[in-house]
Amino acid sequence: RTQDVYSIGQTPLKFLVQDRVDLARDVKVLDVRTAPSG
């Protein structure tokens, strides 16, 4: 019976809920890999 509340900007899942997503602008992209399988 506990509840912990955080600001949505402090969670790593904000890419799922924010209105506009631009990963190159919002976070620091380290690597992008593409496999032959797609």
Full PDB file with SEQRES, HELIX, SHEET, SSBOND, CRYST1, ORIGX, SCALE, CONECT and MASTER records, all heavy atoms in Angstrom:
SEQRES   1 A   38  ARG THR GLN ASP VAL TYR SER ILE GLY GLN THR PRO LEU          
SEQRES   2 A   38  LYS PHE LEU VAL GLN ASP ARG VAL ASP LEU ALA ARG ASP          
SEQRES   3 A   38  VAL LYS VAL LEU ASP VAL ARG THR ALA PRO SER GLY              
HELIX    1 AA1 ILE A    8  GLN A   10  5                                   3    
HELIX    2 AA2 LYS A   14  VAL A   17  1                                   4    
HELIX    3 AA3 LEU A   23  ASP A   26  1                                   4    
CRYST1    1.000    1.000    1.000  90.00  90.00  90.00 P 1           1          
ORIGX1      1.000000  0.000000  0.000000        0.00000                         
ORIGX2      0.000000  1.000000  0.000000        0.00000                         
ORIGX3      0.000000  0.000000  1.000000        0.00000                         
SCALE1      1.000000  0.000000  0.000000        0.00000                         
SCALE2      0.000000  1.000000  0.000000        0.00000                         
SCALE3      0.000000  0.000000  1.000000        0.00000                         
ATOM      1  N   ARG A   1       0.836  -1.203   0.000  1.00  0.00           N  
ATOM      2  CA  ARG A   1       0.000   0.000   0.000  1.00  0.00           C  
ATOM      3  C   ARG A   1       0.875   1.259   0.000  1.00  0.00           C  
ATOM      4  O   ARG A   1       0.654   2.209   0.754  1.00  0.00           O  
ATOM      5  CB  ARG A   1      -0.942   0.020   1.211  1.00  0.00           C  
ATOM      6  CG  ARG A   1      -1.955  -1.132   1.203  1.00  0.00           C  
ATOM      7  CD  ARG A   1      -2.926  -1.040   2.348  1.00  0.00           C  
ATOM      8  NE  ARG A   1      -3.901  -2.128   2.315  1.00  0.00           N  
ATOM      9  CZ  ARG A   1      -4.889  -2.276   3.222  1.00  0.00           C  
ATOM     10  NH1 ARG A   1      -4.999  -1.393   4.220  1.00  0.00           N  
ATOM     11  NH2 ARG A   1      -5.732  -3.279   3.127  1.00  0.00           N  
ATOM     12  N   THR A   2       1.839   1.252  -0.906  1.00  0.00           N  
ATOM     13  CA  THR A   2       2.728   2.405  -1.067  1.00  0.00           C  
ATOM     14  C   THR A   2       2.598   2.951  -2.471  1.00  0.00           C  
ATOM     15  O   THR A   2       2.196   2.223  -3.395  1.00  0.00           O  
ATOM     16  CB  THR A   2       4.187   2.028  -0.805  1.00  0.00           C  
ATOM     17  OG1 THR A   2       4.580   1.006  -1.740  1.00  0.00           O  
ATOM     18  CG2 THR A   2       4.376   1.509   0.614  1.00  0.00           C  
ATOM     19  N   GLN A   3       2.954   4.236  -2.621  1.00  0.00           N  
ATOM     20  CA  GLN A   3       2.923   4.879  -3.937  1.00  0.00           C  
ATOM     21  C   GLN A   3       4.059   5.893  -4.003  1.00  0.00           C  
ATOM     22  O   GLN A   3       4.111   6.827  -3.197  1.00  0.00           O  
ATOM     23  CB  GLN A   3       1.571   5.568  -4.159  1.00  0.00           C  
ATOM     24  CG  GLN A   3       1.493   6.348  -5.468  1.00  0.00           C  
ATOM     25  CD  GLN A   3       0.116   6.888  -5.764  1.00  0.00           C  
ATOM     26  OE1 GLN A   3      -0.786   6.129  -6.068  1.00  0.00           O  
ATOM     27  NE2 GLN A   3      -0.045   8.214  -5.678  1.00  0.00           N  
ATOM     28  N   ASP A   4       4.955   5.702  -5.006  1.00  0.00           N  
ATOM     29  CA  ASP A   4       6.066   6.627  -5.238  1.00  0.00           C  
ATOM     30  C   ASP A   4       5.788   7.386  -6.515  1.00  0.00           C  
ATOM     31  O   ASP A   4       5.519   6.782  -7.550  1.00  0.00           O  
ATOM     32  CB  ASP A   4       7.396   5.862  -5.347  1.00  0.00           C  
ATOM     33  CG  ASP A   4       7.721   5.078  -4.084  1.00  0.00           C  
ATOM     34  OD1 ASP A   4       7.378   5.562  -2.994  1.00  0.00           O  
ATOM     35  OD2 ASP A   4       8.290   3.971  -4.202  1.00  0.00           O  
ATOM     36  N   VAL A   5       5.864   8.720  -6.444  1.00  0.00           N  
ATOM     37  CA  VAL A   5       5.528   9.574  -7.573  1.00  0.00           C  
ATOM     38  C   VAL A   5       6.777  10.314  -8.039  1.00  0.00           C  
ATOM     39  O   VAL A   5       7.517  10.886  -7.219  1.00  0.00           O  
ATOM     40  CB  VAL A   5       4.412  10.566  -7.197  1.00  0.00           C  
ATOM     41  CG1 VAL A   5       4.053  11.439  -8.397  1.00  0.00           C  
ATOM     42  CG2 VAL A   5       3.164   9.837  -6.695  1.00  0.00           C  
ATOM     43  N   TYR A   6       6.972  10.312  -9.414  1.00  0.00           N  
ATOM     44  CA  TYR A   6       8.127  10.981 -10.003  1.00  0.00           C  
ATOM     45  C   TYR A   6       7.638  11.829 -11.168  1.00  0.00           C  
ATOM     46  O   TYR A   6       6.594  11.546 -11.782  1.00  0.00           O  
ATOM     47  CB  TYR A   6       9.157   9.966 -10.507  1.00  0.00           C  
ATOM     48  CG  TYR A   6       9.608   8.968  -9.448  1.00  0.00           C  
ATOM     49  CD1 TYR A   6       9.009   7.700  -9.358  1.00  0.00           C  
ATOM     50  CD2 TYR A   6      10.625   9.303  -8.575  1.00  0.00           C  
ATOM     51  CE1 TYR A   6       9.428   6.803  -8.408  1.00  0.00           C  
ATOM     52  CE2 TYR A   6      11.062   8.392  -7.618  1.00  0.00           C  
ATOM     53  CZ  TYR A   6      10.448   7.148  -7.537  1.00  0.00           C  
ATOM     54  OH  TYR A   6      10.863   6.253  -6.573  1.00  0.00           O  
ATOM     55  N   SER A   7       8.414  12.828 -11.497  1.00  0.00           N  
ATOM     56  CA  SER A   7       8.137  13.622 -12.688  1.00  0.00           C  
ATOM     57  C   SER A   7       8.377  12.763 -13.923  1.00  0.00           C  
ATOM     58  O   SER A   7       9.322  11.964 -13.967  1.00  0.00           O  
ATOM     59  CB  SER A   7       9.032  14.863 -12.725  1.00  0.00           C  
ATOM     60  OG  SER A   7       8.915  15.514 -13.971  1.00  0.00           O  
ATOM     61  N   ILE A   8       7.516  12.927 -14.925  1.00  0.00           N  
ATOM     62  CA  ILE A   8       7.641  12.085 -16.109  1.00  0.00           C  
ATOM     63  C   ILE A   8       8.957  12.328 -16.832  1.00  0.00           C  
ATOM     64  O   ILE A   8       9.483  11.432 -17.488  1.00  0.00           O  
ATOM     65  CB  ILE A   8       6.439  12.317 -17.044  1.00  0.00           C  
ATOM     66  CG1 ILE A   8       6.361  11.203 -18.096  1.00  0.00           C  
ATOM     67  CG2 ILE A   8       6.522  13.689 -17.713  1.00  0.00           C  
ATOM     68  CD1 ILE A   8       5.111  11.216 -18.925  1.00  0.00           C  
ATOM     69  N   GLY A   9       9.528  13.548 -16.711  1.00  0.00           N  
ATOM     70  CA  GLY A   9      10.822  13.817 -17.347  1.00  0.00           C  
ATOM     71  C   GLY A   9      11.980  13.127 -16.670  1.00  0.00           C  
ATOM     72  O   GLY A   9      13.086  13.078 -17.234  1.00  0.00           O  
ATOM     73  N   GLN A  10      11.768  12.547 -15.456  1.00  0.00           N  
ATOM     74  CA  GLN A  10      12.838  11.870 -14.729  1.00  0.00           C  
ATOM     75  C   GLN A  10      12.853  10.362 -14.961  1.00  0.00           C  
ATOM     76  O   GLN A  10      13.634   9.648 -14.333  1.00  0.00           O  
ATOM     77  CB  GLN A  10      12.707  12.145 -13.215  1.00  0.00           C  
ATOM     78  CG  GLN A  10      12.924  13.603 -12.821  1.00  0.00           C  
ATOM     79  CD  GLN A  10      12.739  13.820 -11.337  1.00  0.00           C  
ATOM     80  OE1 GLN A  10      11.771  13.347 -10.737  1.00  0.00           O  
ATOM     81  NE2 GLN A  10      13.688  14.534 -10.724  1.00  0.00           N  
ATOM     82  N   THR A  11      11.989   9.883 -15.820  1.00  0.00           N  
ATOM     83  CA  THR A  11      11.921   8.447 -16.097  1.00  0.00           C  
ATOM     84  C   THR A  11      12.505   8.154 -17.470  1.00  0.00           C  
ATOM     85  O   THR A  11      12.433   8.985 -18.381  1.00  0.00           O  
ATOM     86  CB  THR A  11      10.459   7.963 -16.063  1.00  0.00           C  
ATOM     87  OG1 THR A  11       9.753   8.547 -17.140  1.00  0.00           O  
ATOM     88  CG2 THR A  11       9.790   8.335 -14.751  1.00  0.00           C  
ATOM     89  N   PRO A  12      13.122   6.991 -17.650  1.00  0.00           N  
ATOM     90  CA  PRO A  12      13.700   6.646 -18.965  1.00  0.00           C  
ATOM     91  C   PRO A  12      12.655   6.237 -20.001  1.00  0.00           C  
ATOM     92  O   PRO A  12      13.016   5.943 -21.139  1.00  0.00           O  
ATOM     93  CB  PRO A  12      14.631   5.477 -18.625  1.00  0.00           C  
ATOM     94  CG  PRO A  12      14.029   4.847 -17.429  1.00  0.00           C  
ATOM     95  CD  PRO A  12      13.392   5.952 -16.633  1.00  0.00           C  
ATOM     96  N   LEU A  13      11.363   6.249 -19.631  1.00  0.00           N  
ATOM     97  CA  LEU A  13      10.311   5.816 -20.559  1.00  0.00           C  
ATOM     98  C   LEU A  13       9.565   6.985 -21.176  1.00  0.00           C  
ATOM     99  O   LEU A  13       8.501   6.786 -21.770  1.00  0.00           O  
ATOM    100  CB  LEU A  13       9.311   4.902 -19.815  1.00  0.00           C  
ATOM    101  CG  LEU A  13       9.884   3.616 -19.218  1.00  0.00           C  
ATOM    102  CD1 LEU A  13       8.798   2.819 -18.513  1.00  0.00           C  
ATOM    103  CD2 LEU A  13      10.554   2.772 -20.290  1.00  0.00           C  
ATOM    104  N   LYS A  14      10.110   8.186 -21.056  1.00  0.00           N  
ATOM    105  CA  LYS A  14       9.387   9.327 -21.616  1.00  0.00           C  
ATOM    106  C   LYS A  14       9.274   9.260 -23.133  1.00  0.00           C  
ATOM    107  O   LYS A  14       8.398   9.901 -23.722  1.00  0.00           O  
ATOM    108  CB  LYS A  14      10.047  10.640 -21.195  1.00  0.00           C  
ATOM    109  CG  LYS A  14      11.515  10.753 -21.504  1.00  0.00           C  
ATOM    110  CD  LYS A  14      12.045  12.102 -21.002  1.00  0.00           C  
ATOM    111  CE  LYS A  14      13.567  12.209 -21.113  1.00  0.00           C  
ATOM    112  NZ  LYS A  14      14.238  11.419 -20.065  1.00  0.00           N  
ATOM    113  N   PHE A  15      10.116   8.463 -23.804  1.00  0.00           N  
ATOM    114  CA  PHE A  15      10.005   8.345 -25.265  1.00  0.00           C  
ATOM    115  C   PHE A  15       8.704   7.679 -25.678  1.00  0.00           C  
ATOM    116  O   PHE A  15       8.280   7.767 -26.842  1.00  0.00           O  
ATOM    117  CB  PHE A  15      11.213   7.579 -25.826  1.00  0.00           C  
ATOM    118  CG  PHE A  15      11.273   6.137 -25.387  1.00  0.00           C  
ATOM    119  CD1 PHE A  15      10.618   5.148 -26.094  1.00  0.00           C  
ATOM    120  CD2 PHE A  15      12.002   5.774 -24.266  1.00  0.00           C  
ATOM    121  CE1 PHE A  15      10.682   3.830 -25.701  1.00  0.00           C  
ATOM    122  CE2 PHE A  15      12.080   4.454 -23.869  1.00  0.00           C  
ATOM    123  CZ  PHE A  15      11.413   3.472 -24.582  1.00  0.00           C  
ATOM    124  N   LEU A  16       8.047   6.975 -24.738  1.00  0.00           N  
ATOM    125  CA  LEU A  16       6.789   6.321 -25.064  1.00  0.00           C  
ATOM    126  C   LEU A  16       5.598   7.270 -25.002  1.00  0.00           C  
ATOM    127  O   LEU A  16       4.584   7.017 -25.657  1.00  0.00           O  
ATOM    128  CB  LEU A  16       6.537   5.145 -24.109  1.00  0.00           C  
ATOM    129  CG  LEU A  16       7.370   3.876 -24.320  1.00  0.00           C  
ATOM    130  CD1 LEU A  16       7.057   2.858 -23.235  1.00  0.00           C  
ATOM    131  CD2 LEU A  16       7.120   3.272 -25.694  1.00  0.00           C  
ATOM    132  N   VAL A  17       5.712   8.349 -24.202  1.00  0.00           N  
ATOM    133  CA  VAL A  17       4.520   9.153 -23.926  1.00  0.00           C  
ATOM    134  C   VAL A  17       4.627  10.603 -24.382  1.00  0.00           C  
ATOM    135  O   VAL A  17       3.599  11.284 -24.451  1.00  0.00           O  
ATOM    136  CB  VAL A  17       4.197   9.111 -22.414  1.00  0.00           C  
ATOM    137  CG1 VAL A  17       3.797   7.704 -21.975  1.00  0.00           C  
ATOM    138  CG2 VAL A  17       5.371   9.604 -21.593  1.00  0.00           C  
ATOM    139  N   GLN A  18       5.823  11.114 -24.664  1.00  0.00           N  
ATOM    140  CA  GLN A  18       5.895  12.515 -25.058  1.00  0.00           C  
ATOM    141  C   GLN A  18       5.311  12.728 -26.445  1.00  0.00           C  
ATOM    142  O   GLN A  18       5.277  11.804 -27.268  1.00  0.00           O  
ATOM    143  CB  GLN A  18       7.335  13.030 -24.994  1.00  0.00           C  
ATOM    144  CG  GLN A  18       8.288  12.387 -25.950  1.00  0.00           C  
ATOM    145  CD  GLN A  18       9.736  12.792 -25.675  1.00  0.00           C  
ATOM    146  OE1 GLN A  18      10.194  12.737 -24.521  1.00  0.00           O  
ATOM    147  NE2 GLN A  18      10.454  13.199 -26.709  1.00  0.00           N  
ATOM    148  N   ASP A  19       4.836  13.965 -26.704  1.00  0.00           N  
ATOM    149  CA  ASP A  19       4.080  14.250 -27.912  1.00  0.00           C  
ATOM    150  C   ASP A  19       4.930  14.103 -29.162  1.00  0.00           C  
ATOM    151  O   ASP A  19       4.521  13.469 -30.137  1.00  0.00           O  
ATOM    152  CB  ASP A  19       3.486  15.659 -27.817  1.00  0.00           C  
ATOM    153  CG  ASP A  19       2.508  15.940 -28.936  1.00  0.00           C  
ATOM    154  OD1 ASP A  19       2.005  14.961 -29.537  1.00  0.00           O  
ATOM    155  OD2 ASP A  19       2.241  17.113 -29.233  1.00  0.00           O  
ATOM    156  N   ARG A  20       6.100  14.701 -29.173  1.00  0.00           N  
ATOM    157  CA  ARG A  20       7.007  14.621 -30.321  1.00  0.00           C  
ATOM    158  C   ARG A  20       8.335  14.036 -29.865  1.00  0.00           C  
ATOM    159  O   ARG A  20       8.897  14.452 -28.853  1.00  0.00           O  
ATOM    160  CB  ARG A  20       7.245  15.993 -30.930  1.00  0.00           C  
ATOM    161  CG  ARG A  20       5.995  16.672 -31.472  1.00  0.00           C  
ATOM    162  CD  ARG A  20       5.303  15.862 -32.550  1.00  0.00           C  
ATOM    163  NE  ARG A  20       6.188  15.602 -33.689  1.00  0.00           N  
ATOM    164  CZ  ARG A  20       5.860  14.839 -34.730  1.00  0.00           C  
ATOM    165  NH1 ARG A  20       4.696  14.212 -34.765  1.00  0.00           N  
ATOM    166  NH2 ARG A  20       6.706  14.669 -35.740  1.00  0.00           N  
ATOM    167  N   VAL A  21       8.820  13.050 -30.631  1.00  0.00           N  
ATOM    168  CA  VAL A  21      10.053  12.334 -30.282  1.00  0.00           C  
ATOM    169  C   VAL A  21      11.100  12.642 -31.346  1.00  0.00           C  
ATOM    170  O   VAL A  21      10.849  12.481 -32.545  1.00  0.00           O  
ATOM    171  CB  VAL A  21       9.814  10.811 -30.174  1.00  0.00           C  
ATOM    172  CG1 VAL A  21      11.116  10.081 -29.880  1.00  0.00           C  
ATOM    173  CG2 VAL A  21       8.759  10.494 -29.117  1.00  0.00           C  
ATOM    174  N   ASP A  22      12.277  13.078 -30.862  1.00  0.00           N  
ATOM    175  CA  ASP A  22      13.458  13.250 -31.725  1.00  0.00           C  
ATOM    176  C   ASP A  22      14.648  12.794 -30.898  1.00  0.00           C  
ATOM    177  O   ASP A  22      15.186  13.559 -30.090  1.00  0.00           O  
ATOM    178  CB  ASP A  22      13.612  14.698 -32.177  1.00  0.00           C  
ATOM    179  CG  ASP A  22      14.742  14.875 -33.199  1.00  0.00           C  
ATOM    180  OD1 ASP A  22      15.530  13.914 -33.390  1.00  0.00           O  
ATOM    181  OD2 ASP A  22      14.822  15.949 -33.813  1.00  0.00           O  
ATOM    182  N   LEU A  23      15.022  11.522 -31.101  1.00  0.00           N  
ATOM    183  CA  LEU A  23      16.050  10.953 -30.237  1.00  0.00           C  
ATOM    184  C   LEU A  23      17.378  11.686 -30.385  1.00  0.00           C  
ATOM    185  O   LEU A  23      18.112  11.829 -29.387  1.00  0.00           O  
ATOM    186  CB  LEU A  23      16.229   9.457 -30.560  1.00  0.00           C  
ATOM    187  CG  LEU A  23      15.009   8.561 -30.245  1.00  0.00           C  
ATOM    188  CD1 LEU A  23      15.280   7.126 -30.692  1.00  0.00           C  
ATOM    189  CD2 LEU A  23      14.662   8.591 -28.756  1.00  0.00           C  
ATOM    190  N   ALA A  24      17.700  12.123 -31.566  1.00  0.00           N  
ATOM    191  CA  ALA A  24      18.965  12.842 -31.750  1.00  0.00           C  
ATOM    192  C   ALA A  24      18.974  14.155 -30.977  1.00  0.00           C  
ATOM    193  O   ALA A  24      20.047  14.647 -30.577  1.00  0.00           O  
ATOM    194  CB  ALA A  24      19.222  13.097 -33.221  1.00  0.00           C  
ATOM    195  N   ARG A  25      17.833  14.761 -30.723  1.00  0.00           N  
ATOM    196  CA  ARG A  25      17.745  16.013 -29.978  1.00  0.00           C  
ATOM    197  C   ARG A  25      17.519  15.777 -28.489  1.00  0.00           C  
ATOM    198  O   ARG A  25      18.092  16.481 -27.644  1.00  0.00           O  
ATOM    199  CB  ARG A  25      16.578  16.855 -30.533  1.00  0.00           C  
ATOM    200  CG  ARG A  25      16.330  18.187 -29.853  1.00  0.00           C  
ATOM    201  CD  ARG A  25      14.950  18.715 -30.202  1.00  0.00           C  
ATOM    202  NE  ARG A  25      13.898  17.797 -29.701  1.00  0.00           N  
ATOM    203  CZ  ARG A  25      12.633  17.854 -30.093  1.00  0.00           C  
ATOM    204  NH1 ARG A  25      12.259  18.724 -31.023  1.00  0.00           N  
ATOM    205  NH2 ARG A  25      11.755  17.017 -29.581  1.00  0.00           N  
ATOM    206  N   ASP A  26      16.700  14.806 -28.127  1.00  0.00           N  
ATOM    207  CA  ASP A  26      16.272  14.647 -26.742  1.00  0.00           C  
ATOM    208  C   ASP A  26      17.314  13.932 -25.879  1.00  0.00           C  
ATOM    209  O   ASP A  26      17.389  14.165 -24.666  1.00  0.00           O  
ATOM    210  CB  ASP A  26      14.954  13.875 -26.683  1.00  0.00           C  
ATOM    211  CG  ASP A  26      13.837  14.574 -27.440  1.00  0.00           C  
ATOM    212  OD1 ASP A  26      13.883  15.817 -27.563  1.00  0.00           O  
ATOM    213  OD2 ASP A  26      12.912  13.866 -27.919  1.00  0.00           O  
ATOM    214  N   VAL A  27      18.068  13.013 -26.455  1.00  0.00           N  
ATOM    215  CA  VAL A  27      19.021  12.215 -25.684  1.00  0.00           C  
ATOM    216  C   VAL A  27      20.341  12.190 -26.426  1.00  0.00           C  
ATOM    217  O   VAL A  27      20.462  12.683 -27.555  1.00  0.00           O  
ATOM    218  CB  VAL A  27      18.496  10.786 -25.459  1.00  0.00           C  
ATOM    219  CG1 VAL A  27      17.257  10.796 -24.572  1.00  0.00           C  
ATOM    220  CG2 VAL A  27      18.191  10.099 -26.792  1.00  0.00           C  
ATOM    221  N   LYS A  28      21.290  11.545 -25.796  1.00  0.00           N  
ATOM    222  CA  LYS A  28      22.608  11.391 -26.420  1.00  0.00           C  
ATOM    223  C   LYS A  28      22.687  10.009 -27.058  1.00  0.00           C  
ATOM    224  O   LYS A  28      22.774   8.991 -26.352  1.00  0.00           O  
ATOM    225  CB  LYS A  28      23.702  11.562 -25.379  1.00  0.00           C  
ATOM    226  CG  LYS A  28      25.115  11.466 -25.953  1.00  0.00           C  
ATOM    227  CD  LYS A  28      26.168  11.631 -24.863  1.00  0.00           C  
ATOM    228  CE  LYS A  28      27.583  11.506 -25.408  1.00  0.00           C  
ATOM    229  NZ  LYS A  28      28.623  11.648 -24.345  1.00  0.00           N  
ATOM    230  N   VAL A  29      22.642   9.989 -28.394  1.00  0.00           N  
ATOM    231  CA  VAL A  29      22.688   8.713 -29.120  1.00  0.00           C  
ATOM    232  C   VAL A  29      24.126   8.227 -29.156  1.00  0.00           C  
ATOM    233  O   VAL A  29      25.024   8.920 -29.638  1.00  0.00           O  
ATOM    234  CB  VAL A  29      22.117   8.857 -30.531  1.00  0.00           C  
ATOM    235  CG1 VAL A  29      22.221   7.522 -31.274  1.00  0.00           C  
ATOM    236  CG2 VAL A  29      20.665   9.322 -30.495  1.00  0.00           C  
ATOM    237  N   LEU A  30      24.358   7.018 -28.673  1.00  0.00           N  
ATOM    238  CA  LEU A  30      25.687   6.424 -28.647  1.00  0.00           C  
ATOM    239  C   LEU A  30      25.953   5.568 -29.880  1.00  0.00           C  
ATOM    240  O   LEU A  30      27.079   5.557 -30.394  1.00  0.00           O  
ATOM    241  CB  LEU A  30      25.865   5.595 -27.377  1.00  0.00           C  
ATOM    242  CG  LEU A  30      25.708   6.347 -26.043  1.00  0.00           C  
ATOM    243  CD1 LEU A  30      25.851   5.374 -24.874  1.00  0.00           C  
ATOM    244  CD2 LEU A  30      26.725   7.475 -25.944  1.00  0.00           C  
ATOM    245  N   ASP A  31      24.963   4.824 -30.320  1.00  0.00           N  
ATOM    246  CA  ASP A  31      25.195   3.920 -31.453  1.00  0.00           C  
ATOM    247  C   ASP A  31      23.858   3.546 -32.075  1.00  0.00           C  
ATOM    248  O   ASP A  31      22.818   3.473 -31.388  1.00  0.00           O  
ATOM    249  CB  ASP A  31      25.930   2.674 -30.973  1.00  0.00           C  
ATOM    250  CG  ASP A  31      26.529   1.854 -32.114  1.00  0.00           C  
ATOM    251  OD1 ASP A  31      26.462   2.328 -33.267  1.00  0.00           O  
ATOM    252  OD2 ASP A  31      27.044   0.746 -31.855  1.00  0.00           O  
ATOM    253  N   VAL A  32      23.887   3.292 -33.381  1.00  0.00           N  
ATOM    254  CA  VAL A  32      22.725   2.775 -34.119  1.00  0.00           C  
ATOM    255  C   VAL A  32      23.217   1.590 -34.929  1.00  0.00           C  
ATOM    256  O   VAL A  32      24.101   1.735 -35.788  1.00  0.00           O  
ATOM    257  CB  VAL A  32      22.109   3.847 -35.038  1.00  0.00           C  
ATOM    258  CG1 VAL A  32      20.932   3.243 -35.804  1.00  0.00           C  
ATOM    259  CG2 VAL A  32      21.674   5.068 -34.252  1.00  0.00           C  
ATOM    260  N   ARG A  33      22.668   0.422 -34.705  1.00  0.00           N  
ATOM    261  CA  ARG A  33      23.081  -0.807 -35.386  1.00  0.00           C  
ATOM    262  C   ARG A  33      21.900  -1.382 -36.157  1.00  0.00           C  
ATOM    263  O   ARG A  33      20.775  -1.416 -35.654  1.00  0.00           O  
ATOM    264  CB  ARG A  33      23.571  -1.850 -34.372  1.00  0.00           C  
ATOM    265  CG  ARG A  33      24.700  -1.358 -33.468  1.00  0.00           C  
ATOM    266  CD  ARG A  33      24.945  -2.356 -32.347  1.00  0.00           C  
ATOM    267  NE  ARG A  33      25.962  -1.875 -31.398  1.00  0.00           N  
ATOM    268  CZ  ARG A  33      26.227  -2.477 -30.230  1.00  0.00           C  
ATOM    269  NH1 ARG A  33      25.571  -3.596 -29.891  1.00  0.00           N  
ATOM    270  NH2 ARG A  33      27.157  -1.962 -29.432  1.00  0.00           N  
ATOM    271  N   THR A  34      22.229  -1.840 -37.349  1.00  0.00           N  
ATOM    272  CA  THR A  34      21.201  -2.462 -38.195  1.00  0.00           C  
ATOM    273  C   THR A  34      21.696  -3.824 -38.640  1.00  0.00           C  
ATOM    274  O   THR A  34      22.759  -3.935 -39.268  1.00  0.00           O  
ATOM    275  CB  THR A  34      20.894  -1.597 -39.423  1.00  0.00           C  
ATOM    276  OG1 THR A  34      20.493  -0.291 -38.996  1.00  0.00           O  
ATOM    277  CG2 THR A  34      19.786  -2.219 -40.254  1.00  0.00           C  
ATOM    278  N   ALA A  35      20.935  -4.863 -38.318  1.00  0.00           N  
ATOM    279  CA  ALA A  35      21.279  -6.229 -38.714  1.00  0.00           C  
ATOM    280  C   ALA A  35      20.667  -6.549 -40.065  1.00  0.00           C  
ATOM    281  O   ALA A  35      19.673  -5.933 -40.486  1.00  0.00           O  
ATOM    282  CB  ALA A  35      20.787  -7.208 -37.660  1.00  0.00           C  
ATOM    283  N   PRO A  36      21.256  -7.524 -40.794  1.00  0.00           N  
ATOM    284  CA  PRO A  36      20.656  -7.926 -42.082  1.00  0.00           C  
ATOM    285  C   PRO A  36      19.211  -8.375 -41.961  1.00  0.00           C  
ATOM    286  O   PRO A  36      18.436  -8.286 -42.923  1.00  0.00           O  
ATOM    287  CB  PRO A  36      21.570  -9.051 -42.557  1.00  0.00           C  
ATOM    288  CG  PRO A  36      22.874  -8.803 -41.873  1.00  0.00           C  
ATOM    289  CD  PRO A  36      22.520  -8.234 -40.529  1.00  0.00           C  
ATOM    290  N   SER A  37      18.831  -8.860 -40.790  1.00  0.00           N  
ATOM    291  CA  SER A  37      17.440  -9.299 -40.593  1.00  0.00           C  
ATOM    292  C   SER A  37      16.471  -8.130 -40.481  1.00  0.00           C  
ATOM    293  O   SER A  37      15.246  -8.343 -40.457  1.00  0.00           O  
ATOM    294  CB  SER A  37      17.346 -10.158 -39.334  1.00  0.00           C  
ATOM    295  OG  SER A  37      17.731  -9.407 -38.190  1.00  0.00           O  
ATOM    296  N   GLY A  38      16.983  -6.903 -40.390  1.00  0.00           N  
ATOM    297  CA  GLY A  38      16.113  -5.742 -40.274  1.00  0.00           C  
ATOM    298  C   GLY A  38      15.952  -5.237 -38.862  1.00  0.00           C  
ATOM    299  O   GLY A  38      15.223  -4.260 -38.630  1.00  0.00           O  
TER     300      GLY A  38                                                      
MASTER        0    0    0    3    0    0    0    6  299    1    0    3          
END                                                                             
